């Protein structure tokens, strides 16, 4: 949880500066009082509840559930603050966490924008709990017609510990089509924070370099840098931004982004990505051999049947190459064709993308490609 952001939220909680009610008052009585429209009744009781969160959080949480449907807006707002305060000051069990999340999801669609925003921000600061339920709520709110609601939902998606494809997709949509520039800017920021290159993210960020709003363009540049190797294809577009963007700050940021991306050595093997035939697999010389000369180093190339895919169809040709002592089967680049080549071959074969590489060489995938 971001303590800084939580503190900012709680700083606006009115009951913190009010007198306390009787410490001996029952929890049920206190909860009843915070539904009052009379501040002289509501504020002291709310302050007392807040003070008892650390010791009695598990008992207080169920009592807050009906308050989420209170006709008093301030009461509904106070519920979000009490949940946030309790999460900070005490350790809740799984049942309490699930109840809190259910209450906040209900409040996230509140008729009051103030309550909705507080609920969404509190949701984003709490542990994920039940990701599917929370995901659906945030994805739906990210396209809300109210700019402030969409903005905080988009930021909340960027704080997710393990974003889903649907969440990433919602951010891509927000970046491309949200009417409000603040929402588009926050979407670009969140995509950079998640550092997930799937789901058309890089293409969406490249498109955002042409956004009408300079803050969106600047956030898109920053997000592309955070994606590192996976944004290497954005270098030409960034070069255009660095020389032609109407905003001096964006030009400067884009120029720095180009320099950063071109100097990356993602796998830390001493070879910059753009000249590395295995950009994400350490294979410093002399382990950078490329026996078939296709621009993919042996260390990241398990394609032995020439279809530029790494599948079970490559196993037979590899075994044959081992049996015939073919140098192409020297997967670990030690100059020998032996049993020591089997483990790295299998590891590469099991790679999720089922393709050789990736290679930073522009000619990768063609015959005779060398650094």
Protein backbone atom coordinates (compact mmCIF):
# COMPACT_ATOMS: atom_id res chain seq x y z
CA UNK A 1 0.00 0.00 0.00
CA UNK A 2 1.24 3.51 -0.79
CA UNK A 3 1.42 5.15 2.62
CA UNK A 4 1.93 8.58 1.06
CA UNK A 5 -1.25 8.34 -1.00
CA UNK A 6 -3.18 6.82 1.90
CA UNK A 7 -2.10 9.69 4.14
CA UNK A 8 -3.27 12.21 1.55
CA UNK A 9 -6.69 10.57 1.45
CA UNK A 10 -7.03 10.41 5.20
CA UNK A 11 -5.93 14.03 5.53
CA UNK A 12 -9.31 15.05 4.15
CA UNK A 13 -11.26 12.90 6.58
CA UNK A 14 -13.21 15.40 8.68
CA UNK A 15 -13.80 13.20 11.73
CA UNK A 16 -10.07 13.03 12.48
CA UNK A 17 -10.10 16.54 13.86
CA UNK A 18 -13.38 16.29 15.74
CA UNK A 19 -13.98 15.51 19.43
CA UNK A 20 -14.45 11.88 20.42
CA UNK A 21 -17.61 10.28 21.71
CA UNK A 22 -17.60 8.25 24.89
CA UNK A 23 -15.00 5.49 24.67
CA UNK A 24 -17.43 3.14 26.40
CA UNK A 25 -20.11 3.57 23.74
CA UNK A 26 -20.94 0.35 21.86
CA UNK A 27 -19.80 -0.14 18.29
CA UNK A 28 -23.41 -0.52 17.17
CA UNK A 29 -24.31 2.79 18.76
CA UNK A 30 -21.34 4.53 17.18
CA UNK A 31 -22.22 3.17 13.74
CA UNK A 32 -25.78 4.38 14.19
CA UNK A 33 -24.54 7.85 15.11
CA UNK A 34 -22.27 8.29 12.09
CA UNK A 35 -25.37 8.06 9.90
CA UNK A 36 -26.67 11.25 11.47
CA UNK A 37 -26.95 14.43 9.42
CA UNK A 38 -26.09 16.37 12.57
CA UNK A 39 -22.30 16.89 12.61
CA UNK A 40 -22.39 17.33 16.39
CA UNK A 41 -23.47 13.68 16.59
CA UNK A 42 -21.72 12.18 13.56
CA UNK A 43 -18.22 13.61 13.96
CA UNK A 44 -17.46 12.55 17.56
CA UNK A 45 -18.79 9.04 16.91
CA UNK A 46 -16.80 8.70 13.70
CA UNK A 47 -13.66 9.85 15.46
CA UNK A 48 -14.17 7.28 18.21
CA UNK A 49 -14.71 4.52 15.65
CA UNK A 50 -11.52 5.53 13.93
CA UNK A 51 -9.64 5.35 17.21
CA UNK A 52 -10.93 1.81 17.85
CA UNK A 53 -10.03 0.47 14.38
CA UNK A 54 -6.69 -1.02 15.38
CA UNK A 55 -8.13 -3.19 18.13
CA UNK A 56 -11.65 -3.91 16.82
CA UNK A 57 -11.37 -3.74 13.02
CA UNK A 58 -12.80 -7.23 12.41
CA UNK A 59 -15.86 -6.36 14.50
CA UNK A 60 -16.35 -2.95 12.87
CA UNK A 61 -16.17 -4.08 9.23
CA UNK A 62 -19.51 -6.00 9.14
CA UNK A 63 -21.23 -3.01 10.72
CA UNK A 64 -20.06 -0.79 7.85
CA UNK A 65 -21.75 -2.90 5.15
CA UNK A 66 -25.26 -1.40 5.45
CA UNK A 67 -23.76 2.10 5.64
CA UNK A 68 -22.67 1.76 2.00
CA UNK A 69 -26.37 2.21 1.15
CA UNK A 70 -26.93 5.12 3.52
CA UNK A 71 -28.89 8.08 2.15
CA UNK A 72 -26.28 10.40 3.71
CA UNK A 73 -23.40 11.05 1.30
CA UNK A 74 -20.95 11.92 4.08
CA UNK A 75 -21.67 8.60 5.78
CA UNK A 76 -20.89 6.68 2.61
CA UNK A 77 -17.68 8.66 2.22
CA UNK A 78 -16.74 7.98 5.84
CA UNK A 79 -17.09 4.25 5.19
CA UNK A 80 -14.27 4.37 2.62
CA UNK A 81 -12.06 6.25 5.05
CA UNK A 82 -12.76 3.84 7.91
CA UNK A 83 -11.89 0.89 5.68
CA UNK A 84 -8.67 2.59 4.58
CA UNK A 85 -7.73 3.57 8.12
CA UNK A 86 -8.36 0.07 9.41
CA UNK A 87 -6.27 -1.48 6.64
CA UNK A 88 -3.37 0.75 7.62
CA UNK A 89 -3.61 0.25 11.38
CA UNK A 90 -4.49 -3.41 11.65
CA UNK A 91 -4.02 -6.77 10.01
CA UNK A 92 -7.25 -8.10 8.53
CA UNK A 93 -7.98 -11.71 7.69
CA UNK A 94 -9.13 -12.93 4.27
CA UNK A 95 -12.83 -12.68 5.15
CA UNK A 96 -12.45 -9.08 6.32
CA UNK A 97 -10.46 -8.16 3.22
CA UNK A 98 -13.10 -9.70 0.94
CA UNK A 99 -15.90 -7.86 2.76
CA UNK A 100 -14.04 -4.57 2.50
CA UNK A 101 -13.51 -5.05 -1.19
CA UNK A 102 -17.17 -5.88 -1.81
CA UNK A 103 -18.24 -2.75 0.07
CA UNK A 104 -15.79 -0.55 -1.82
CA UNK A 105 -16.81 -1.97 -5.19
CA UNK A 106 -20.40 -1.04 -4.36
CA UNK A 107 -19.31 2.48 -3.40
CA UNK A 108 -17.16 2.79 -6.53
CA UNK A 109 -20.41 3.14 -8.51
CA UNK A 110 -21.94 5.57 -6.02
CA UNK A 111 -24.12 8.41 -7.31
CA UNK A 112 -21.74 10.85 -5.65
CA UNK A 113 -18.50 11.38 -7.57
CA UNK A 114 -16.72 12.26 -4.32
CA UNK A 115 -17.65 8.91 -2.79
CA UNK A 116 -16.83 6.98 -5.98
CA UNK A 117 -13.40 8.55 -6.29
CA UNK A 118 -12.58 7.81 -2.64
CA UNK A 119 -13.74 4.20 -3.03
CA UNK A 120 -11.72 3.63 -6.21
CA UNK A 121 -8.57 5.12 -4.72
CA UNK A 122 -9.00 3.07 -1.55
CA UNK A 123 -9.49 -0.07 -3.67
CA UNK A 124 -6.24 0.61 -5.49
CA UNK A 125 -4.37 0.93 -2.19
CA UNK A 126 -5.64 -2.33 -0.71
CA UNK A 127 -4.29 -5.82 -1.54
CA UNK A 128 -5.92 -7.42 -4.59
CA UNK A 129 -7.99 -9.96 -2.64
CA UNK A 130 -10.39 -11.21 -5.31
CA UNK A 131 -8.83 -10.01 -8.57
CA UNK A 132 -11.70 -11.02 -10.88
CA UNK A 133 -14.29 -8.92 -9.06
CA UNK A 134 -11.98 -5.96 -8.62
CA UNK A 135 -10.79 -6.20 -12.22
CA UNK A 136 -14.31 -6.02 -13.64
CA UNK A 137 -15.10 -2.98 -11.50
CA UNK A 138 -12.00 -1.03 -12.50
CA UNK A 139 -12.22 -1.96 -16.19
CA UNK A 140 -15.82 -0.76 -16.30
CA UNK A 141 -15.05 2.50 -14.52
CA UNK A 142 -12.04 3.27 -16.76
CA UNK A 143 -14.43 4.26 -19.54
CA UNK A 144 -16.86 6.16 -17.30
CA UNK A 145 -18.24 9.36 -18.83
CA UNK A 146 -17.24 11.31 -15.73
CA UNK A 147 -13.57 12.24 -16.37
CA UNK A 148 -12.57 12.18 -12.70
CA UNK A 149 -13.95 8.67 -12.19
CA UNK A 150 -12.27 7.38 -15.35
CA UNK A 151 -9.03 9.07 -14.32
CA UNK A 152 -8.81 7.47 -10.87
CA UNK A 153 -9.87 4.07 -12.27
CA UNK A 154 -7.12 4.24 -14.89
CA UNK A 155 -4.57 5.13 -12.21
CA UNK A 156 -5.84 2.29 -10.04
CA UNK A 157 -5.31 -0.16 -12.90
CA UNK A 158 -1.71 1.01 -13.11
CA UNK A 159 -1.20 0.07 -9.46
CA UNK A 160 -2.36 -3.52 -9.95
CA UNK A 161 0.20 -6.08 -8.82
CA UNK A 162 -0.68 -8.53 -11.59
CA UNK A 163 -2.70 -6.89 -14.34
CA UNK A 164 -4.89 -9.03 -16.60
CA UNK A 165 -5.16 -8.79 -20.38
CA UNK A 166 -8.59 -7.19 -19.93
CA UNK A 167 -7.10 -4.50 -17.67
CA UNK A 168 -4.28 -3.77 -20.08
CA UNK A 169 -6.82 -3.63 -22.89
CA UNK A 170 -8.93 -1.13 -20.95
CA UNK A 171 -5.90 1.12 -20.56
CA UNK A 172 -5.11 0.85 -24.28
CA UNK A 173 -8.69 1.85 -25.09
CA UNK A 174 -8.55 4.75 -22.64
CA UNK A 175 -5.28 5.96 -24.14
CA UNK A 176 -6.65 5.84 -27.66
CA UNK A 177 -10.16 7.13 -27.21
CA UNK A 178 -10.86 8.83 -23.86
CA UNK A 179 -12.31 12.30 -24.60
CA UNK A 180 -10.49 13.87 -21.65
CA UNK A 181 -6.74 14.38 -22.08
CA UNK A 182 -6.12 13.77 -18.36
CA UNK A 183 -7.55 10.28 -18.70
CA UNK A 184 -5.39 9.60 -21.78
CA UNK A 185 -2.32 10.91 -19.96
CA UNK A 186 -2.99 8.73 -16.92
CA UNK A 187 -3.55 5.72 -19.18
CA UNK A 188 -0.13 6.20 -20.77
CA UNK A 189 1.42 6.54 -17.31
CA UNK A 190 -0.28 3.38 -16.05
CA UNK A 191 0.84 1.35 -19.06
CA UNK A 192 4.40 2.37 -18.28
CA UNK A 193 4.00 1.42 -14.64
CA UNK A 194 2.67 -2.04 -15.53
CA UNK A 195 5.55 -2.70 -17.98
CA UNK A 196 3.48 -5.27 -19.89
CA UNK A 197 4.24 -5.18 -23.63
CA UNK A 198 1.35 -7.42 -24.70
CA UNK A 199 -2.09 -6.46 -25.99
CA UNK A 200 -1.01 -3.81 -28.48
CA UNK A 201 0.56 -1.64 -25.78
CA UNK A 202 3.63 -0.54 -27.76
CA UNK A 203 1.57 0.32 -30.85
CA UNK A 204 -0.89 2.29 -28.72
CA UNK A 205 1.93 4.26 -27.10
CA UNK A 206 3.50 4.96 -30.50
CA UNK A 207 0.13 6.26 -31.73
CA UNK A 208 -0.08 8.43 -28.62
CA UNK A 209 3.08 10.24 -29.71
CA UNK A 210 0.78 12.06 -32.13
CA UNK A 211 -1.83 12.98 -29.50
CA UNK A 212 -3.05 16.57 -29.54
CA UNK A 213 -2.09 17.03 -25.89
CA UNK A 214 1.57 17.44 -24.97
CA UNK A 215 1.17 15.79 -21.56
CA UNK A 216 -0.16 12.64 -23.24
CA UNK A 217 2.74 12.60 -25.69
CA UNK A 218 5.25 13.08 -22.88
CA UNK A 219 3.74 10.29 -20.79
CA UNK A 220 3.77 7.99 -23.84
CA UNK A 221 7.49 8.64 -24.32
CA UNK A 222 8.22 7.83 -20.67
CA UNK A 223 6.13 4.67 -20.83
CA UNK A 224 8.00 3.42 -23.90
CA UNK A 225 11.32 3.83 -22.08
CA UNK A 226 9.98 1.78 -19.17
CA UNK A 227 9.08 -1.03 -21.59
CA UNK A 228 12.76 -1.22 -22.53
CA UNK A 229 13.65 -3.83 -25.12
CA UNK A 230 10.02 -4.39 -26.04
CA UNK A 231 9.75 -0.77 -27.19
CA UNK A 232 12.78 -0.95 -29.46
CA UNK A 233 10.47 -0.80 -32.47
CA UNK A 234 9.35 2.64 -31.32
CA UNK A 235 12.78 4.20 -31.84
CA UNK A 236 11.98 5.59 -35.34
CA UNK A 237 8.78 7.22 -34.07
CA UNK A 238 10.64 8.60 -31.06
CA UNK A 239 13.28 10.04 -33.36
CA UNK A 240 10.55 11.88 -35.26
CA UNK A 241 9.16 13.22 -31.96
CA UNK A 242 12.63 14.29 -30.87
CA UNK A 243 13.01 16.47 -33.96
CA UNK A 244 9.48 17.64 -34.79
CA UNK A 245 7.24 17.70 -31.71
CA UNK A 246 5.76 21.13 -31.10
CA UNK A 247 6.57 20.96 -27.39
CA UNK A 248 10.19 21.50 -26.34
CA UNK A 249 9.84 19.28 -23.27
CA UNK A 250 8.50 16.39 -25.36
CA UNK A 251 11.31 16.82 -27.89
CA UNK A 252 13.89 16.70 -25.13
CA UNK A 253 12.32 13.67 -23.44
CA UNK A 254 12.02 11.82 -26.76
CA UNK A 255 15.66 12.51 -27.61
CA UNK A 256 16.74 11.09 -24.26
CA UNK A 257 14.45 8.10 -24.79
CA UNK A 258 16.11 7.30 -28.12
CA UNK A 259 19.56 7.43 -26.52
CA UNK A 260 18.39 5.26 -23.62
CA UNK A 261 16.79 2.58 -25.77
CA UNK A 262 19.71 2.43 -28.19
CA UNK A 263 22.18 1.91 -25.33
CA UNK A 264 20.21 -0.79 -23.50
CA UNK A 265 21.89 -4.07 -22.60
CA UNK A 266 18.83 -5.84 -21.22
CA UNK A 267 20.46 -9.21 -20.56
CA UNK A 268 23.63 -7.66 -19.10
CA UNK A 269 26.07 -9.60 -21.27
CA UNK A 270 28.07 -6.56 -22.37
CA UNK A 271 26.49 -6.28 -25.82
CA UNK A 272 23.93 -3.53 -26.46
CA UNK A 273 20.54 -4.91 -27.48
CA UNK A 274 20.65 -3.54 -31.02
CA UNK A 275 23.84 -5.52 -31.74
CA UNK A 276 22.98 -8.59 -29.64
CA UNK A 277 21.83 -11.74 -31.45
CA UNK A 278 20.19 -12.86 -28.18
CA UNK A 279 18.91 -9.65 -26.63
CA UNK A 280 17.25 -11.26 -23.61
CA UNK A 281 19.56 -14.26 -23.12
CA UNK A 282 23.10 -13.63 -21.82
CA UNK A 283 25.54 -14.95 -24.45
CA UNK A 284 28.68 -12.83 -24.29
CA UNK A 285 31.48 -13.90 -26.62
CA UNK A 286 32.49 -16.61 -27.15
CA UNK A 287 28.98 -17.84 -26.27
CA UNK A 288 27.37 -15.74 -29.02
CA UNK A 289 27.82 -18.26 -31.84
CA UNK A 290 25.16 -18.44 -34.55
CA UNK A 291 25.74 -21.73 -36.34
CA UNK A 292 23.04 -21.31 -38.98
CA UNK A 293 23.75 -17.61 -39.60
CA UNK A 294 20.14 -16.47 -39.27
CA UNK A 295 20.82 -13.62 -36.83
CA UNK A 296 19.64 -15.58 -33.80
CA UNK A 297 22.42 -16.81 -31.51
CA UNK A 298 22.45 -20.51 -30.67
CA UNK A 299 21.66 -19.67 -27.05
CA UNK A 300 18.19 -18.43 -28.03
CA UNK A 301 17.55 -20.46 -31.19
CA UNK A 302 15.93 -23.88 -30.96
CA UNK A 303 14.64 -23.76 -34.54
CA UNK A 304 16.20 -26.81 -36.15
CA UNK A 305 13.71 -27.39 -38.98
CA UNK A 306 13.97 -23.90 -40.48
CA UNK A 307 10.38 -22.72 -39.94
CA UNK A 308 11.41 -19.91 -37.55
CA UNK A 309 9.32 -21.46 -34.80
CA UNK A 310 10.40 -23.40 -31.72
CA UNK A 311 8.07 -26.35 -31.32
CA UNK A 312 8.08 -30.10 -30.84
CA UNK A 313 8.85 -30.35 -34.55
CA UNK A 314 12.41 -29.22 -33.83
CA UNK A 315 13.17 -32.08 -31.44
CA UNK A 316 13.76 -34.71 -34.13
CA UNK A 317 16.13 -32.56 -36.23
CA UNK A 318 18.03 -31.58 -33.08
CA UNK A 319 18.52 -35.20 -32.02
CA UNK A 320 19.66 -36.01 -35.55
CA UNK A 321 22.12 -33.10 -35.47
CA UNK A 322 23.50 -34.32 -32.14
CA UNK A 323 23.87 -37.84 -33.55
CA UNK A 324 25.68 -36.56 -36.66
CA UNK A 325 27.94 -34.30 -34.58
CA UNK A 326 26.73 -31.25 -36.53
CA UNK A 327 28.11 -27.96 -35.24
CA UNK A 328 24.62 -26.45 -35.54
CA UNK A 329 23.70 -28.51 -32.47
CA UNK A 330 26.36 -26.76 -30.36
CA UNK A 331 23.67 -24.97 -28.38
CA UNK A 332 25.95 -23.78 -25.58
CA UNK A 333 28.68 -22.58 -27.97
CA UNK A 334 31.50 -24.50 -26.29
CA UNK A 335 32.80 -25.83 -29.59
CA UNK A 336 31.58 -29.34 -28.84
CA UNK A 337 28.44 -31.25 -29.80
CA UNK A 338 27.58 -33.20 -26.66
CA UNK A 339 24.99 -33.95 -24.01
CA UNK A 340 25.71 -30.52 -22.53
CA UNK A 341 23.74 -28.98 -25.40
CA UNK A 342 20.51 -30.77 -24.56
CA UNK A 343 19.47 -28.80 -21.44
CA UNK A 344 19.78 -25.31 -23.02
CA UNK A 345 17.98 -26.56 -26.13
CA UNK A 346 15.05 -27.88 -24.06
CA UNK A 347 14.92 -24.65 -22.02
CA UNK A 348 14.67 -22.57 -25.19
CA UNK A 349 12.11 -24.95 -26.68
CA UNK A 350 9.89 -24.34 -23.66
CA UNK A 351 9.98 -20.57 -24.12
CA UNK A 352 6.43 -19.21 -24.13
CA UNK A 353 6.63 -17.21 -27.38
CA UNK A 354 7.74 -20.26 -29.47
CA UNK A 355 9.99 -18.11 -31.62
CA UNK A 356 13.78 -17.81 -31.82
CA UNK A 357 15.41 -14.83 -30.15
CA UNK A 358 14.55 -12.14 -29.72
CA UNK A 359 17.50 -10.71 -31.58
CA UNK A 360 18.45 -7.06 -31.79
CA UNK A 361 19.90 -7.45 -35.25
CA UNK A 362 17.80 -5.77 -37.94
CA UNK A 363 18.55 -8.63 -40.35
CA UNK A 364 17.49 -11.41 -37.95
CA UNK A 365 15.49 -14.09 -39.69
CA UNK A 366 17.44 -13.89 -42.93
CA UNK A 367 20.33 -15.98 -44.17
CA UNK A 368 23.84 -14.67 -43.58
CA UNK A 369 22.80 -12.25 -40.82
CA UNK A 370 25.75 -11.32 -38.60
CA UNK A 371 26.42 -8.44 -36.18
